Protein backbone atom coordinates (compact mmCIF):
# COMPACT_ATOMS: atom_id res chain seq x y z
CA MET A 1 -21.59 0.45 23.29
CA LYS A 2 -19.98 3.30 21.71
CA ARG A 3 -17.73 3.28 24.76
CA THR A 4 -16.94 0.04 23.99
CA LYS A 5 -16.16 0.30 20.56
CA LEU A 6 -14.17 3.18 21.71
CA LEU A 7 -12.38 1.03 24.57
CA TRP A 8 -11.25 -1.61 21.69
CA LYS A 9 -9.91 1.07 19.54
CA LEU A 10 -8.22 2.58 21.81
CA PHE A 11 -6.74 -1.19 23.24
CA PHE A 12 -6.10 -2.25 19.71
CA SER A 13 -4.15 1.06 18.95
CA MET A 14 -1.89 0.55 21.64
CA LEU A 15 -1.25 -3.13 21.13
CA LYS A 16 -0.23 -2.15 17.69
CA ILE A 17 2.17 0.59 19.43
CA GLY A 18 3.28 -2.09 21.70
CA LEU A 19 3.93 -4.90 18.99
CA PHE A 20 5.80 -2.41 16.50
CA THR A 21 8.36 0.04 19.21
CA PHE A 22 11.69 -1.81 19.84
CA GLY A 23 13.76 -0.04 22.27
CA GLY A 24 11.51 1.82 24.61
CA GLY A 25 9.52 4.70 24.97
CA TYR A 26 11.00 6.85 23.96
CA ALA A 27 11.20 5.07 20.13
CA MET A 28 7.50 4.95 20.89
CA ILE A 29 6.82 9.00 21.77
CA ALA A 30 7.04 9.15 17.56
CA LEU A 31 4.38 6.18 16.95
CA ILE A 32 2.35 7.67 19.69
CA GLU A 33 2.46 11.04 18.31
CA ASN A 34 1.32 9.64 14.84
CA GLU A 35 -1.32 7.43 15.92
CA PHE A 36 -3.20 9.95 18.59
CA VAL A 37 -2.13 13.77 17.52
CA THR A 38 -1.87 13.11 13.81
CA LYS A 39 -4.47 10.19 12.86
CA LYS A 40 -7.32 10.05 15.75
CA LYS A 41 -6.67 13.42 16.82
CA TRP A 42 -7.54 12.51 20.14
CA ILE A 43 -5.28 14.71 21.78
CA GLY A 44 -3.67 18.12 21.01
CA LYS A 45 -0.16 18.84 20.20
CA GLU A 46 0.22 20.89 23.35
CA GLU A 47 -1.25 18.00 25.28
CA PHE A 48 1.36 16.07 23.80
CA LEU A 49 3.96 17.39 25.23
CA ASP A 50 2.75 17.58 28.37
CA MET A 51 1.89 13.61 28.41
CA VAL A 52 5.58 13.30 27.37
CA ALA A 53 6.56 15.47 30.47
CA ILE A 54 4.25 14.13 32.79
CA SER A 55 5.26 10.56 32.16
CA GLU A 56 8.90 10.76 31.90
CA SER A 57 8.64 13.12 35.33
CA THR A 58 6.42 10.14 37.21
CA PRO A 59 8.45 7.24 38.69
CA GLY A 60 8.02 4.09 36.32
CA PRO A 61 8.60 3.54 32.18
CA LEU A 62 7.28 6.19 29.57
CA ALA A 63 5.43 3.50 27.87
CA ILE A 64 3.50 2.42 30.46
CA ASN A 65 2.80 6.36 32.08
CA GLY A 66 1.78 7.62 28.65
CA ALA A 67 -0.38 4.82 28.03
CA THR A 68 -1.88 5.21 30.97
CA TYR A 69 -2.63 8.91 30.33
CA ILE A 70 -3.61 8.63 26.92
CA GLY A 71 -5.96 6.13 27.68
CA TYR A 72 -7.40 8.20 30.82
CA LYS A 73 -7.81 10.87 28.71
CA ILE A 74 -9.87 9.34 26.35
CA ALA A 75 -12.12 6.79 27.95
CA GLY A 76 -11.49 7.46 31.80
CA VAL A 77 -10.41 4.21 33.93
CA LEU A 78 -11.23 1.59 31.79
CA GLY A 79 -9.20 3.56 29.23
CA ALA A 80 -6.48 3.59 31.33
CA ALA A 81 -6.11 0.46 32.06
CA ALA A 82 -7.10 -1.01 28.79
CA ALA A 83 -4.60 1.00 26.78
CA THR A 84 -1.81 0.01 29.52
CA ILE A 85 -2.67 -3.47 29.59
CA ALA A 86 -2.37 -3.54 25.69
CA VAL A 87 0.90 -1.63 25.66
CA CYS A 88 2.28 -4.17 27.83
CA ILE A 89 1.27 -7.55 26.00
CA PRO A 90 3.28 -7.43 23.20
CA SER A 91 6.69 -7.45 25.27
CA PHE A 92 5.50 -9.42 27.85
CA VAL A 93 4.57 -12.23 24.99
CA ILE A 94 7.92 -11.93 23.26
CA ILE A 95 10.17 -12.05 26.46
CA TYR A 96 8.53 -14.98 27.53
CA ALA A 97 8.50 -16.54 24.40
CA ILE A 98 12.24 -15.32 23.89
CA SER A 99 13.48 -16.93 27.97
CA LEU A 100 11.93 -20.42 26.71
CA PHE A 101 14.25 -20.76 24.13
CA PHE A 102 16.75 -18.42 25.26
CA ASP A 103 20.22 -19.99 24.72
CA GLU A 104 18.88 -21.16 21.81
CA PHE A 105 18.31 -17.59 20.25
CA LEU A 106 21.51 -16.28 21.56
CA GLU A 107 23.38 -18.99 19.29
CA PHE A 108 20.76 -17.30 16.38
CA THR A 109 23.04 -15.68 14.32
CA TYR A 110 20.01 -14.05 12.43
CA ALA A 111 18.56 -12.96 15.75
CA ALA A 112 21.95 -10.83 15.89
CA TYR A 113 22.05 -9.25 12.86
CA ALA A 114 18.16 -8.28 12.92
CA PHE A 115 18.74 -6.78 16.73
CA ARG A 116 21.78 -4.85 14.81
CA GLY A 117 19.37 -3.66 12.59
CA ILE A 118 16.89 -2.26 14.86
CA GLN A 119 19.33 -0.50 16.81
CA VAL A 120 19.87 1.90 14.30
CA CYS A 121 15.74 2.26 13.38
CA VAL A 122 15.21 2.53 17.74
CA ILE A 123 17.96 5.71 16.87
CA TYR A 124 16.15 6.92 13.97
CA LEU A 125 12.80 6.72 16.11
CA ILE A 126 14.22 8.85 18.77
CA LEU A 127 15.63 11.40 17.17
CA SER A 128 12.49 11.73 15.38
CA ALA A 129 10.46 12.12 18.00
CA GLY A 130 12.56 14.92 19.72
CA TRP A 131 13.10 16.42 16.93
CA LYS A 132 9.23 16.82 16.40
CA MET A 133 8.76 17.58 19.98
CA PHE A 134 11.49 20.24 19.94
CA ARG A 135 9.57 22.24 16.43
CA GLU A 136 6.26 22.39 18.70
CA MET A 137 7.89 23.49 21.64
CA LYS A 138 7.11 27.37 22.01
CA LYS A 139 10.31 29.00 21.36
CA THR A 140 10.87 31.30 24.32
CA ALA A 141 13.79 32.69 25.68
CA PHE A 142 13.38 30.36 29.25
CA HIS A 143 12.69 27.33 26.74
CA LEU A 144 15.37 27.73 24.51
CA VAL A 145 18.17 28.32 27.42
CA ILE A 146 17.18 25.21 29.21
CA PHE A 147 17.07 23.00 25.82
CA SER A 148 20.52 24.51 25.27
CA LEU A 149 21.87 24.16 28.73
CA THR A 150 20.46 20.77 29.25
CA LEU A 151 22.26 19.80 25.44
CA LEU A 152 25.06 20.71 26.31
CA PHE A 153 25.66 19.51 29.50
CA MET A 154 24.26 15.82 28.17
CA VAL A 155 27.04 15.93 25.09
CA ALA A 156 30.08 17.43 27.96
CA PHE A 157 29.30 14.63 30.29
CA SER A 158 28.89 11.78 27.64
CA ILE A 159 32.19 12.86 26.70
CA PHE A 160 34.02 13.25 29.95
CA ALA A 161 32.12 9.73 31.31
CA VAL A 162 30.46 11.86 33.96
CA ASP A 163 27.73 9.91 35.36
CA PHE A 164 24.86 12.16 35.85
CA SER A 165 21.18 10.58 36.04
CA SER A 166 18.50 12.02 33.72
CA ILE A 167 16.21 12.39 36.42
CA PHE A 168 18.80 15.56 37.61
CA TYR A 169 17.76 17.09 34.00
CA ILE A 170 14.30 16.66 34.93
CA LEU A 171 14.54 17.76 38.48
CA ILE A 172 16.49 20.92 37.82
CA SER A 173 14.65 22.04 34.48
CA ALA A 174 11.28 21.65 36.99
CA ALA A 175 12.97 23.69 39.87
CA ALA A 176 13.88 26.12 37.32
CA GLY A 177 10.38 26.31 35.83
CA VAL A 178 9.00 26.94 38.87
CA ALA A 179 11.44 29.93 40.19
CA CYS A 180 11.18 31.42 37.01
CA TYR A 181 6.69 31.16 37.77
CA LEU A 182 7.01 32.73 41.59
CA ILE A 183 9.55 35.38 40.32
CA ALA A 184 7.29 36.81 37.43
CA SER A 185 3.92 36.29 40.28
CA LEU A 186 6.04 38.64 42.66
CA ARG A 187 6.84 41.19 39.88
CA GLU A 188 3.30 41.07 39.06
CA LYS A 189 1.62 41.83 42.12
CA GLY A 190 4.95 44.31 43.17
CA ARG A 191 3.49 46.36 39.99
CA ASN A 192 -0.24 46.10 41.18
CA ARG A 193 0.79 47.17 44.31
CA SER A 194 2.87 50.28 42.63
CA LYS A 195 -0.26 51.50 40.88
């Protein structure tokens, strides 16, 4: 009974997040953090940052990967299924309803104005999530260098219209992290041998 109640709580939390989030997974990050880290305290801040990194690095949409991760963490396989289905339902229903009246929808001027307003809100949600994650990130020299270089290249490539996929930023950062770890472990082994 307790497990069923937990599954329903998880389902409705994800349904609410899916229903009120426009702009995809990045806009959803702030709401997920607020719901599961701040309010319910089902996952910690460190684990939330790991969840975002894993969700971004694995194939598929960030929102679905994040929902699956959180669902699995909280209630196992059934939790993963419940969270994933719940986060997908609102998008599916809204897109299906729009597709039925697509031509009429495009001609509806209030819808166009509404989407312009939503765009501003989405930018705020993405920046808010990014700022929170930056504040909670460990400020080691390695993290700050990776962050600064990524930001610098993203801005430069945007200004000069260079086509560079965000996947490459993730892969390069992951390779740098692995390289630093290997170098640190080799140094540690060297120190232990010299003692």
